[in-house]
């Protein structure tokens, strides 16, 4: 990358390829398998049941930070091709939208059969698929963004599913940490509620 005029620029010769997306998807699948297994081992179902507001807070912080950073550092060579010029000013509010999505995912994960932690992470992959189907076919990221020209939609969509499992797993881990910290705090202060 070349630093230019206060923004990170990508060389005009750089192109993403379908092979890069497939390889990244495979790497993420391996990372996700380990991370989801760790979460399923560490977060008990009764603990997951106490997480809705911690999930909302962790989600809002994570997505606000991610979108603010992405729109700042990848505007010139990626997001500027698909979003209007005022989009970066709204980046922090994206976290609130995602917080609602996170709460919906928590609600569904708890009610679906199976392990709610695994369900939550798998729902994260569905969110990734849906958001990237919209990005590919509605926003036209492959046609409009020069570094994406020639990339297959399938490689982008599969990558997105594993990418989002990673993100939502991190959010779930942070939410569990927030829950545990809250419980420790309330246990040390008698007379307060002990669950988030």
C-alpha atoms as a PDB file:
ATOM      1  CA  UNK A   1       0.000   0.000   0.000  1.00  0.00           C
ATOM      2  CA  UNK A   2       1.091   3.518  -0.696  1.00  0.00           C
ATOM      3  CA  UNK A   3       0.432   6.363   1.743  1.00  0.00           C
ATOM      4  CA  UNK A   4      -1.021   9.323  -0.138  1.00  0.00           C
ATOM      5  CA  UNK A   5      -2.766  12.531   0.914  1.00  0.00           C
ATOM      6  CA  UNK A   6      -3.767  11.285   4.363  1.00  0.00           C
ATOM      7  CA  UNK A   7      -5.400   8.078   3.100  1.00  0.00           C
ATOM      8  CA  UNK A   8      -4.159   4.571   2.466  1.00  0.00           C
ATOM      9  CA  UNK A   9      -4.119   3.901  -1.255  1.00  0.00           C
ATOM     10  CA  UNK A  10      -3.764   0.599  -3.043  1.00  0.00           C
ATOM     11  CA  UNK A  11      -1.502   0.338  -6.057  1.00  0.00           C
ATOM     12  CA  UNK A  12      -3.538   0.542  -9.292  1.00  0.00           C
ATOM     13  CA  UNK A  13      -1.929  -2.747 -10.347  1.00  0.00           C
ATOM     14  CA  UNK A  14      -3.178  -4.652  -7.291  1.00  0.00           C
ATOM     15  CA  UNK A  15      -6.132  -6.973  -7.892  1.00  0.00           C
ATOM     16  CA  UNK A  16      -7.893  -9.396  -5.621  1.00  0.00           C
ATOM     17  CA  UNK A  17      -8.523 -12.837  -7.122  1.00  0.00           C
ATOM     18  CA  UNK A  18     -11.009 -15.618  -6.539  1.00  0.00           C
ATOM     19  CA  UNK A  19      -8.108 -17.810  -5.439  1.00  0.00           C
ATOM     20  CA  UNK A  20      -7.235 -15.302  -2.695  1.00  0.00           C
ATOM     21  CA  UNK A  21     -10.823 -15.408  -1.423  1.00  0.00           C
ATOM     22  CA  UNK A  22     -10.928 -19.230  -1.472  1.00  0.00           C
ATOM     23  CA  UNK A  23      -7.609 -19.481   0.384  1.00  0.00           C
ATOM     24  CA  UNK A  24      -8.687 -16.891   2.941  1.00  0.00           C
ATOM     25  CA  UNK A  25     -11.999 -18.745   3.407  1.00  0.00           C
ATOM     26  CA  UNK A  26     -10.130 -21.975   4.131  1.00  0.00           C
ATOM     27  CA  UNK A  27      -7.831 -20.265   6.644  1.00  0.00           C
ATOM     28  CA  UNK A  28     -10.801 -18.610   8.345  1.00  0.00           C
ATOM     29  CA  UNK A  29     -12.709 -21.905   8.451  1.00  0.00           C
ATOM     30  CA  UNK A  30      -9.858 -23.449  10.450  1.00  0.00           C
ATOM     31  CA  UNK A  31      -9.643 -20.450  12.785  1.00  0.00           C
ATOM     32  CA  UNK A  32     -13.434 -20.409  13.199  1.00  0.00           C
ATOM     33  CA  UNK A  33     -13.561 -24.116  14.057  1.00  0.00           C
ATOM     34  CA  UNK A  34     -11.095 -23.566  16.895  1.00  0.00           C
ATOM     35  CA  UNK A  35     -12.701 -20.377  18.138  1.00  0.00           C
ATOM     36  CA  UNK A  36     -16.284 -21.694  18.083  1.00  0.00           C
ATOM     37  CA  UNK A  37     -15.160 -24.894  19.839  1.00  0.00           C
ATOM     38  CA  UNK A  38     -13.449 -22.829  22.528  1.00  0.00           C
ATOM     39  CA  UNK A  39     -16.536 -20.665  23.013  1.00  0.00           C
ATOM     40  CA  UNK A  40     -18.846 -23.707  23.150  1.00  0.00           C
ATOM     41  CA  UNK A  41     -16.581 -25.156  25.851  1.00  0.00           C
ATOM     42  CA  UNK A  42     -16.197 -21.935  27.887  1.00  0.00           C
ATOM     43  CA  UNK A  43     -19.691 -20.403  27.599  1.00  0.00           C
ATOM     44  CA  UNK A  44     -22.310 -22.624  29.182  1.00  0.00           C
ATOM     45  CA  UNK A  45     -25.906 -22.444  27.866  1.00  0.00           C
ATOM     46  CA  UNK A  46     -27.132 -20.883  31.135  1.00  0.00           C
ATOM     47  CA  UNK A  47     -24.429 -18.214  30.721  1.00  0.00           C
ATOM     48  CA  UNK A  48     -25.489 -17.612  27.124  1.00  0.00           C
ATOM     49  CA  UNK A  49     -29.032 -17.019  28.346  1.00  0.00           C
ATOM     50  CA  UNK A  50     -27.752 -14.086  30.431  1.00  0.00           C
ATOM     51  CA  UNK A  51     -26.005 -12.412  27.483  1.00  0.00           C
ATOM     52  CA  UNK A  52     -28.561 -10.380  25.508  1.00  0.00           C
ATOM     53  CA  UNK A  53     -27.525  -6.924  26.679  1.00  0.00           C
ATOM     54  CA  UNK A  54     -23.853  -7.813  26.784  1.00  0.00           C
ATOM     55  CA  UNK A  55     -24.193  -9.032  23.172  1.00  0.00           C
ATOM     56  CA  UNK A  56     -25.873  -5.747  22.222  1.00  0.00           C
ATOM     57  CA  UNK A  57     -23.130  -3.652  23.851  1.00  0.00           C
ATOM     58  CA  UNK A  58     -20.261  -5.740  22.440  1.00  0.00           C
ATOM     59  CA  UNK A  59     -21.876  -5.710  18.996  1.00  0.00           C
ATOM     60  CA  UNK A  60     -22.392  -1.947  18.979  1.00  0.00           C
ATOM     61  CA  UNK A  61     -18.787  -1.281  20.014  1.00  0.00           C
ATOM     62  CA  UNK A  62     -17.290  -3.832  17.603  1.00  0.00           C
ATOM     63  CA  UNK A  63     -19.214  -2.784  14.493  1.00  0.00           C
ATOM     64  CA  UNK A  64     -18.929   0.954  15.186  1.00  0.00           C
ATOM     65  CA  UNK A  65     -15.155   0.589  15.486  1.00  0.00           C
ATOM     66  CA  UNK A  66     -14.851  -1.704  12.473  1.00  0.00           C
ATOM     67  CA  UNK A  67     -16.945   0.441  10.145  1.00  0.00           C
ATOM     68  CA  UNK A  68     -15.299   3.676  11.288  1.00  0.00           C
ATOM     69  CA  UNK A  69     -11.859   2.183  10.655  1.00  0.00           C
ATOM     70  CA  UNK A  70     -12.810   0.552   7.343  1.00  0.00           C
ATOM     71  CA  UNK A  71     -14.422   3.668   5.916  1.00  0.00           C
ATOM     72  CA  UNK A  72     -11.481   5.794   7.009  1.00  0.00           C
ATOM     73  CA  UNK A  73      -8.673   3.641   5.663  1.00  0.00           C
ATOM     74  CA  UNK A  74     -10.349   1.982   2.662  1.00  0.00           C
ATOM     75  CA  UNK A  75     -12.511   4.816   1.358  1.00  0.00           C
ATOM     76  CA  UNK A  76     -10.357   5.833  -1.611  1.00  0.00           C
ATOM     77  CA  UNK A  77      -9.772   2.357  -2.990  1.00  0.00           C
ATOM     78  CA  UNK A  78     -12.881   0.433  -1.901  1.00  0.00           C
ATOM     79  CA  UNK A  79     -15.894   1.935  -0.140  1.00  0.00           C
ATOM     80  CA  UNK A  80     -15.853   5.241  -2.030  1.00  0.00           C
ATOM     81  CA  UNK A  81     -16.906   3.361  -5.153  1.00  0.00           C
ATOM     82  CA  UNK A  82     -20.147   2.085  -3.621  1.00  0.00           C
ATOM     83  CA  UNK A  83     -21.213   4.436  -0.828  1.00  0.00           C
ATOM     84  CA  UNK A  84     -22.242   8.108  -0.988  1.00  0.00           C
ATOM     85  CA  UNK A  85     -19.756  10.693   0.284  1.00  0.00           C
ATOM     86  CA  UNK A  86     -21.614  11.235   3.556  1.00  0.00           C
ATOM     87  CA  UNK A  87     -21.464   7.524   4.566  1.00  0.00           C
ATOM     88  CA  UNK A  88     -18.320   7.822   6.750  1.00  0.00           C
ATOM     89  CA  UNK A  89     -20.093  10.295   9.028  1.00  0.00           C
ATOM     90  CA  UNK A  90     -22.694   7.610   9.787  1.00  0.00           C
ATOM     91  CA  UNK A  91     -20.183   4.826  10.469  1.00  0.00           C
ATOM     92  CA  UNK A  92     -20.502   4.973  14.284  1.00  0.00           C
ATOM     93  CA  UNK A  93     -24.275   4.552  14.013  1.00  0.00           C
ATOM     94  CA  UNK A  94     -23.842   1.291  12.078  1.00  0.00           C
ATOM     95  CA  UNK A  95     -23.064  -0.265  15.452  1.00  0.00           C
ATOM     96  CA  UNK A  96     -26.619   0.422  16.621  1.00  0.00           C
ATOM     97  CA  UNK A  97     -28.076  -1.351  13.592  1.00  0.00           C
ATOM     98  CA  UNK A  98     -25.795  -4.311  14.198  1.00  0.00           C
ATOM     99  CA  UNK A  99     -26.697  -4.324  17.903  1.00  0.00           C
ATOM    100  CA  UNK A 100     -30.299  -4.997  16.867  1.00  0.00           C
ATOM    101  CA  UNK A 101     -29.100  -7.766  14.551  1.00  0.00           C
ATOM    102  CA  UNK A 102     -27.013  -9.205  17.392  1.00  0.00           C
ATOM    103  CA  UNK A 103     -30.016  -9.260  19.728  1.00  0.00           C
ATOM    104  CA  UNK A 104     -32.110 -11.005  17.067  1.00  0.00           C
ATOM    105  CA  UNK A 105     -29.347 -13.566  16.556  1.00  0.00           C
ATOM    106  CA  UNK A 106     -29.122 -14.152  20.326  1.00  0.00           C
ATOM    107  CA  UNK A 107     -32.910 -14.624  20.499  1.00  0.00           C
ATOM    108  CA  UNK A 108     -32.911 -17.133  17.627  1.00  0.00           C
ATOM    109  CA  UNK A 109     -29.786 -18.964  18.837  1.00  0.00           C
ATOM    110  CA  UNK A 110     -31.355 -19.558  22.237  1.00  0.00           C
ATOM    111  CA  UNK A 111     -34.570 -20.937  20.733  1.00  0.00           C
ATOM    112  CA  UNK A 112     -33.099 -23.145  17.989  1.00  0.00           C
ATOM    113  CA  UNK A 113     -32.259 -26.750  18.842  1.00  0.00           C
ATOM    114  CA  UNK A 114     -28.639 -27.527  19.643  1.00  0.00           C
ATOM    115  CA  UNK A 115     -25.888 -25.565  21.339  1.00  0.00           C
ATOM    116  CA  UNK A 116     -26.847 -21.855  21.450  1.00  0.00           C
ATOM    117  CA  UNK A 117     -23.212 -20.740  21.100  1.00  0.00           C
ATOM    118  CA  UNK A 118     -22.753 -22.760  17.902  1.00  0.00           C
ATOM    119  CA  UNK A 119     -26.171 -21.568  16.710  1.00  0.00           C
ATOM    120  CA  UNK A 120     -25.168 -17.931  17.282  1.00  0.00           C
ATOM    121  CA  UNK A 121     -21.962 -18.316  15.292  1.00  0.00           C
ATOM    122  CA  UNK A 122     -23.748 -20.152  12.461  1.00  0.00           C
ATOM    123  CA  UNK A 123     -26.353 -17.382  12.376  1.00  0.00           C
ATOM    124  CA  UNK A 124     -23.392 -15.015  12.010  1.00  0.00           C
ATOM    125  CA  UNK A 125     -22.447 -16.873   8.819  1.00  0.00           C
ATOM    126  CA  UNK A 126     -26.007 -16.425   7.537  1.00  0.00           C
ATOM    127  CA  UNK A 127     -25.787 -12.697   8.282  1.00  0.00           C
ATOM    128  CA  UNK A 128     -22.499 -12.618   6.341  1.00  0.00           C
ATOM    129  CA  UNK A 129     -24.053 -14.402   3.389  1.00  0.00           C
ATOM    130  CA  UNK A 130     -27.103 -12.124   3.310  1.00  0.00           C
ATOM    131  CA  UNK A 131     -25.099  -8.891   3.665  1.00  0.00           C
ATOM    132  CA  UNK A 132     -22.644  -9.924   0.955  1.00  0.00           C
ATOM    133  CA  UNK A 133     -25.353 -11.128  -1.443  1.00  0.00           C
ATOM    134  CA  UNK A 134     -26.669  -7.570  -1.102  1.00  0.00           C
ATOM    135  CA  UNK A 135     -23.171  -6.112  -1.584  1.00  0.00           C
ATOM    136  CA  UNK A 136     -22.436  -8.245  -4.662  1.00  0.00           C
ATOM    137  CA  UNK A 137     -25.790  -8.080  -6.435  1.00  0.00           C
ATOM    138  CA  UNK A 138     -27.285  -4.777  -5.245  1.00  0.00           C
ATOM    139  CA  UNK A 139     -24.243  -2.573  -4.622  1.00  0.00           C
ATOM    140  CA  UNK A 140     -22.262  -4.222  -7.422  1.00  0.00           C
ATOM    141  CA  UNK A 141     -18.952  -4.451  -5.555  1.00  0.00           C
ATOM    142  CA  UNK A 142     -17.383  -6.774  -8.128  1.00  0.00           C
ATOM    143  CA  UNK A 143     -18.200  -4.498 -11.056  1.00  0.00           C
ATOM    144  CA  UNK A 144     -17.684  -1.109  -9.393  1.00  0.00           C
ATOM    145  CA  UNK A 145     -14.563  -1.622  -7.282  1.00  0.00           C
ATOM    146  CA  UNK A 146     -11.431  -1.933  -9.470  1.00  0.00           C
ATOM    147  CA  UNK A 147      -9.519  -4.321  -7.189  1.00  0.00           C
ATOM    148  CA  UNK A 148     -12.522  -6.703  -7.257  1.00  0.00           C
ATOM    149  CA  UNK A 149     -12.832  -6.955 -11.062  1.00  0.00           C
ATOM    150  CA  UNK A 150     -12.863 -10.578 -12.156  1.00  0.00           C
ATOM    151  CA  UNK A 151     -13.463 -12.084  -8.716  1.00  0.00           C
ATOM    152  CA  UNK A 152     -16.154 -14.777  -8.664  1.00  0.00           C
ATOM    153  CA  UNK A 153     -19.249 -14.023  -6.579  1.00  0.00           C
ATOM    154  CA  UNK A 154     -19.120 -17.532  -5.075  1.00  0.00           C
ATOM    155  CA  UNK A 155     -15.630 -16.980  -3.641  1.00  0.00           C
ATOM    156  CA  UNK A 156     -16.693 -13.672  -2.077  1.00  0.00           C
ATOM    157  CA  UNK A 157     -19.852 -15.170  -0.561  1.00  0.00           C
ATOM    158  CA  UNK A 158     -18.110 -18.217   0.927  1.00  0.00           C
ATOM    159  CA  UNK A 159     -15.340 -16.013   2.325  1.00  0.00           C
ATOM    160  CA  UNK A 160     -17.961 -13.681   3.836  1.00  0.00           C
ATOM    161  CA  UNK A 161     -19.619 -16.532   5.723  1.00  0.00           C
ATOM    162  CA  UNK A 162     -16.384 -17.523   7.461  1.00  0.00           C
ATOM    163  CA  UNK A 163     -15.348 -13.884   7.945  1.00  0.00           C
ATOM    164  CA  UNK A 164     -18.590 -13.172   9.783  1.00  0.00           C
ATOM    165  CA  UNK A 165     -18.299 -16.294  11.948  1.00  0.00           C
ATOM    166  CA  UNK A 166     -14.970 -14.868  13.111  1.00  0.00           C
ATOM    167  CA  UNK A 167     -16.441 -11.432  13.841  1.00  0.00           C
ATOM    168  CA  UNK A 168     -19.520 -12.736  15.662  1.00  0.00           C
ATOM    169  CA  UNK A 169     -17.374 -15.199  17.648  1.00  0.00           C
ATOM    170  CA  UNK A 170     -15.208 -12.311  18.820  1.00  0.00           C
ATOM    171  CA  UNK A 171     -18.343 -10.379  19.768  1.00  0.00           C
ATOM    172  CA  UNK A 172     -19.688 -13.377  21.690  1.00  0.00           C
ATOM    173  CA  UNK A 173     -16.377 -13.774  23.520  1.00  0.00           C
ATOM    174  CA  UNK A 174     -16.352 -10.085  24.482  1.00  0.00           C
ATOM    175  CA  UNK A 175     -19.999 -10.322  25.601  1.00  0.00           C
ATOM    176  CA  UNK A 176     -19.150 -13.268  27.851  1.00  0.00           C
ATOM    177  CA  UNK A 177     -16.214 -11.337  29.294  1.00  0.00           C
ATOM    178  CA  UNK A 178     -18.504  -8.349  29.974  1.00  0.00           C
ATOM    179  CA  UNK A 179     -21.028 -10.658  31.673  1.00  0.00           C
ATOM    180  CA  UNK A 180     -18.374 -12.175  33.913  1.00  0.00           C
ATOM    181  CA  UNK A 181     -16.954  -8.772  34.829  1.00  0.00           C
ATOM    182  CA  UNK A 182     -20.456  -7.533  35.647  1.00  0.00           C
ATOM    183  CA  UNK A 183     -21.141 -10.556  37.826  1.00  0.00           C
ATOM    184  CA  UNK A 184     -17.886 -10.075  39.741  1.00  0.00           C
ATOM    185  CA  UNK A 185     -18.679  -6.414  40.261  1.00  0.00           C
ATOM    186  CA  UNK A 186     -22.204  -7.060  41.510  1.00  0.00           C
ATOM    187  CA  UNK A 187     -21.090  -9.910  43.787  1.00  0.00           C
ATOM    188  CA  UNK A 188     -18.652  -7.520  45.458  1.00  0.00           C
ATOM    189  CA  UNK A 189     -21.456  -4.988  45.987  1.00  0.00           C
ATOM    190  CA  UNK A 190     -24.264  -6.600  48.034  1.00  0.00           C
ATOM    191  CA  UNK A 191     -27.811  -5.645  47.187  1.00  0.00           C
ATOM    192  CA  UNK A 192     -27.336  -5.329  43.402  1.00  0.00           C
ATOM    193  CA  UNK A 193     -28.573  -7.657  40.687  1.00  0.00           C
ATOM    194  CA  UNK A 194     -26.074 -10.320  39.650  1.00  0.00           C
ATOM    195  CA  UNK A 195     -26.968 -10.851  35.992  1.00  0.00           C
ATOM    196  CA  UNK A 196     -26.799  -8.727  32.882  1.00  0.00           C
END
